[in-house]
N, C-alpha and C. Protein backbone atom coordinates (compact mmCIF):
# COMPACT_ATOMS: atom_id res chain seq x y z
N UNK A 1 -64.83 31.42 81.73
CA UNK A 1 -64.18 32.52 82.08
C UNK A 1 -64.18 33.49 80.96
N UNK A 2 -64.10 34.60 81.77
CA UNK A 2 -64.40 35.73 80.88
C UNK A 2 -63.78 36.76 80.40
N UNK A 3 -63.54 37.26 78.99
CA UNK A 3 -62.50 38.14 79.15
C UNK A 3 -61.96 39.37 79.75
N UNK A 4 -61.10 39.93 79.38
CA UNK A 4 -61.09 41.54 80.25
C UNK A 4 -62.01 42.54 80.22
N UNK A 5 -62.43 42.75 78.63
CA UNK A 5 -63.81 43.66 78.18
C UNK A 5 -65.00 43.24 78.49
N UNK A 6 -66.00 43.98 78.08
CA UNK A 6 -67.68 43.89 78.23
C UNK A 6 -67.60 43.02 77.44
N UNK A 7 -69.00 41.73 78.10
CA UNK A 7 -68.97 41.03 77.16
C UNK A 7 -69.43 41.53 75.49
N UNK A 8 -68.77 40.52 74.34
CA UNK A 8 -69.04 40.47 73.32
C UNK A 8 -68.18 41.72 72.44
N UNK A 9 -66.78 42.11 73.65
CA UNK A 9 -66.40 43.35 73.01
C UNK A 9 -64.34 42.46 72.66
N UNK A 10 -64.58 40.97 72.61
CA UNK A 10 -62.94 40.76 73.07
C UNK A 10 -62.65 40.88 74.33
N UNK A 11 -60.83 40.72 74.04
CA UNK A 11 -60.25 41.00 75.40
C UNK A 11 -58.92 40.00 75.62
N UNK A 12 -58.41 39.53 76.70
CA UNK A 12 -57.20 39.60 76.65
C UNK A 12 -57.39 38.39 78.00
N UNK A 13 -57.23 37.29 78.22
CA UNK A 13 -56.87 36.48 79.08
C UNK A 13 -55.74 35.55 79.42
N UNK A 14 -55.64 35.33 80.34
CA UNK A 14 -54.52 34.16 80.98
C UNK A 14 -55.07 32.70 81.32
N UNK A 15 -54.61 32.18 80.38
CA UNK A 15 -55.14 30.99 80.53
C UNK A 15 -54.23 29.48 81.50
N UNK A 16 -54.56 28.89 81.56
CA UNK A 16 -54.27 27.34 82.42
C UNK A 16 -54.94 25.99 82.57
N UNK A 17 -54.01 25.45 82.01
CA UNK A 17 -54.66 23.81 81.66
C UNK A 17 -53.91 22.80 83.11
N UNK A 18 -54.96 22.69 83.94
CA UNK A 18 -54.03 21.91 85.14
C UNK A 18 -54.17 20.54 84.67
N UNK A 19 -53.53 19.76 85.82
CA UNK A 19 -53.12 18.24 86.02
C UNK A 19 -52.65 18.08 84.69
N UNK A 20 -52.07 18.48 84.08
CA UNK A 20 -51.32 17.51 83.05
C UNK A 20 -49.88 17.17 83.08
N UNK A 21 -49.64 15.93 82.13
CA UNK A 21 -48.18 15.56 82.60
C UNK A 21 -47.23 16.52 82.34
N UNK A 22 -45.97 16.33 83.74
CA UNK A 22 -45.36 17.57 83.70
C UNK A 22 -44.26 17.16 82.59
N UNK A 23 -43.87 18.31 81.75
CA UNK A 23 -42.98 18.19 81.03
C UNK A 23 -43.21 17.64 79.37
N UNK A 24 -44.69 17.41 79.47
CA UNK A 24 -45.19 16.68 78.17
C UNK A 24 -45.20 17.98 76.85
N UNK A 25 -44.88 17.76 75.74
CA UNK A 25 -45.20 18.60 74.66
C UNK A 25 -46.94 18.97 74.88
N UNK A 26 -47.24 20.07 74.42
CA UNK A 26 -48.29 20.28 74.90
C UNK A 26 -48.93 21.06 73.76
N UNK A 27 -50.42 20.84 72.52
CA UNK A 27 -51.04 21.07 71.60
C UNK A 27 -52.22 21.39 71.97
N UNK A 28 -52.60 22.90 71.52
CA UNK A 28 -53.69 23.39 71.60
C UNK A 28 -54.54 23.86 70.44
N UNK A 29 -55.59 24.04 70.90
CA UNK A 29 -56.28 24.07 69.45
C UNK A 29 -57.54 25.23 70.16
N UNK A 30 -58.27 26.14 69.38
CA UNK A 30 -58.89 27.20 69.81
C UNK A 30 -59.85 27.12 68.27
N UNK A 31 -61.30 26.67 69.29
CA UNK A 31 -62.49 26.33 68.27
C UNK A 31 -61.83 25.48 67.40
N UNK A 32 -60.94 24.31 67.39
CA UNK A 32 -60.75 23.29 66.33
C UNK A 32 -59.39 23.29 65.51
N UNK A 33 -58.89 24.75 65.57
CA UNK A 33 -57.54 25.18 64.42
C UNK A 33 -56.57 25.02 65.68
N UNK A 34 -55.30 24.65 65.01
CA UNK A 34 -54.45 24.52 65.84
C UNK A 34 -53.55 25.89 66.03
N UNK A 35 -53.03 26.01 67.03
CA UNK A 35 -52.44 27.62 67.26
C UNK A 35 -51.18 27.17 68.31
N UNK A 36 -50.20 27.93 67.59
CA UNK A 36 -49.13 27.88 68.85
C UNK A 36 -49.03 29.42 69.51
N UNK A 37 -49.40 28.75 70.79
CA UNK A 37 -49.25 29.61 71.54
C UNK A 37 -49.03 29.17 73.60
N UNK A 38 -48.06 30.18 74.41
CA UNK A 38 -47.54 29.36 75.38
C UNK A 38 -46.15 29.02 75.11
N UNK A 39 -45.67 28.31 75.70
CA UNK A 39 -44.19 27.56 75.84
C UNK A 39 -43.94 26.14 74.86
N UNK A 40 -45.31 25.30 74.60
CA UNK A 40 -45.17 24.13 73.67
C UNK A 40 -44.78 22.75 75.06
N UNK A 41 -44.56 22.80 75.97
CA UNK A 41 -44.09 21.93 77.28
C UNK A 41 -45.03 22.65 78.16
N UNK A 42 -45.86 21.45 78.81
CA UNK A 42 -45.87 21.20 80.22
C UNK A 42 -44.75 21.82 81.43
N UNK A 43 -45.51 22.49 82.32
CA UNK A 43 -44.48 23.31 83.13
C UNK A 43 -44.38 21.88 84.73
N UNK A 44 -43.14 22.36 85.19
CA UNK A 44 -42.55 21.36 86.46
C UNK A 44 -44.08 21.10 87.33
N UNK A 45 -45.06 22.18 87.01
CA UNK A 45 -46.06 21.61 88.17
C UNK A 45 -47.17 21.00 87.83
N UNK A 46 -47.22 20.33 86.51
CA UNK A 46 -48.58 19.96 85.44
C UNK A 46 -49.38 20.99 84.97
N UNK A 47 -49.31 22.00 85.03
CA UNK A 47 -49.73 23.14 84.60
C UNK A 47 -49.44 23.76 83.11
N UNK A 48 -49.93 23.94 82.43
CA UNK A 48 -50.24 24.56 80.91
C UNK A 48 -50.42 25.97 81.14
N UNK A 49 -49.56 27.20 80.95
CA UNK A 49 -49.92 28.13 81.21
C UNK A 49 -49.56 28.93 79.65
N UNK A 50 -50.41 30.11 79.11
CA UNK A 50 -50.96 30.67 77.98
C UNK A 50 -52.14 31.56 78.09
N UNK A 51 -51.21 32.85 77.33
CA UNK A 51 -52.59 34.30 76.90
C UNK A 51 -52.70 33.97 75.93
N UNK A 52 -54.19 34.56 75.79
CA UNK A 52 -55.07 34.62 74.60
C UNK A 52 -55.75 35.99 74.30
N UNK A 53 -55.28 36.65 72.93
CA UNK A 53 -55.99 37.72 72.75
C UNK A 53 -56.92 37.75 71.58
N UNK A 54 -58.62 37.67 72.25
CA UNK A 54 -59.78 37.59 71.22
C UNK A 54 -60.07 38.98 70.62
N UNK A 55 -60.05 39.60 69.24
CA UNK A 55 -60.46 40.99 69.37
C UNK A 55 -62.20 40.93 68.12
N UNK A 56 -62.49 40.15 68.89
CA UNK A 56 -63.59 40.12 68.86
C UNK A 56 -64.54 39.21 69.92
N UNK A 57 -65.58 39.80 69.97
CA UNK A 57 -66.80 38.76 71.28
C UNK A 57 -67.09 37.64 70.24
N UNK A 58 -67.61 36.87 71.24
CA UNK A 58 -67.63 35.84 71.56
C UNK A 58 -67.36 34.48 72.32
N UNK A 59 -67.63 32.79 71.74
CA UNK A 59 -67.50 31.84 73.10
C UNK A 59 -66.33 31.55 71.91
N UNK A 60 -65.05 31.14 73.02
CA UNK A 60 -64.01 30.20 72.48
C UNK A 60 -63.80 29.21 73.42
N UNK A 61 -63.67 28.19 72.04
CA UNK A 61 -63.61 26.92 73.06
C UNK A 61 -62.15 26.33 72.59
N UNK A 62 -61.17 25.79 73.93
CA UNK A 62 -59.57 26.00 74.16
C UNK A 62 -59.48 24.59 74.30
N UNK A 63 -58.97 23.80 74.17
CA UNK A 63 -58.31 22.26 74.37
C UNK A 63 -57.14 22.03 74.24
N UNK A 64 -56.54 21.76 75.28
CA UNK A 64 -55.03 21.89 75.76
C UNK A 64 -54.73 20.12 75.69
N UNK A 65 -53.99 19.32 74.84
CA UNK A 65 -53.36 18.37 74.84
C UNK A 65 -51.84 17.90 74.87
N UNK A 66 -51.62 17.21 75.91
CA UNK A 66 -50.00 16.73 76.29
C UNK A 66 -50.22 15.41 77.21
N UNK A 67 -49.29 14.84 76.47
CA UNK A 67 -48.93 13.36 77.08
C UNK A 67 -50.18 12.30 76.77
N UNK A 68 -51.10 12.85 75.83
CA UNK A 68 -52.12 11.55 76.21
C UNK A 68 -53.49 12.82 77.32
N UNK A 69 -52.99 13.50 78.50
CA UNK A 69 -54.46 14.28 78.68
C UNK A 69 -55.11 15.21 77.66
N UNK A 70 -56.51 15.48 78.12
CA UNK A 70 -56.84 16.43 77.25
C UNK A 70 -57.63 17.15 78.07
N UNK A 71 -57.56 18.88 77.75
CA UNK A 71 -58.76 19.64 78.87
C UNK A 71 -59.03 20.67 78.00
N UNK A 72 -60.67 20.96 78.42
CA UNK A 72 -61.25 21.33 77.36
C UNK A 72 -61.94 22.85 78.31
N UNK A 73 -62.03 24.20 78.04
CA UNK A 73 -62.47 25.05 78.95
C UNK A 73 -62.79 25.86 77.84
N UNK A 74 -63.77 26.57 77.92
CA UNK A 74 -64.55 28.12 77.13
C UNK A 74 -64.54 29.56 77.79
N UNK A 75 -64.29 30.10 76.99
CA UNK A 75 -63.70 31.52 77.21
C UNK A 75 -64.95 32.41 76.61
N UNK A 76 -65.21 33.51 77.46
CA UNK A 76 -66.48 34.60 77.23
C UNK A 76 -65.94 35.56 76.31
N UNK A 77 -66.05 35.97 75.34
CA UNK A 77 -65.11 37.34 74.94
C UNK A 77 -66.25 38.35 74.73
């Protein structure tokens, strides 16, 4: 996924981790560091929604884990 700014400038992105266990507690890591973002609970539709603002350009790896299920995706900012 690409951020909102020109490549290398940072930006904002709405993120979604799909097909997670509904109601499960969710944990997000960004480039290996735990972060607090989103509601902390997978929605009833089985997706975990969160927003991310990257102040500098670069590649960001997100891992969302909930109920033993993990989803990994990469943002280019």
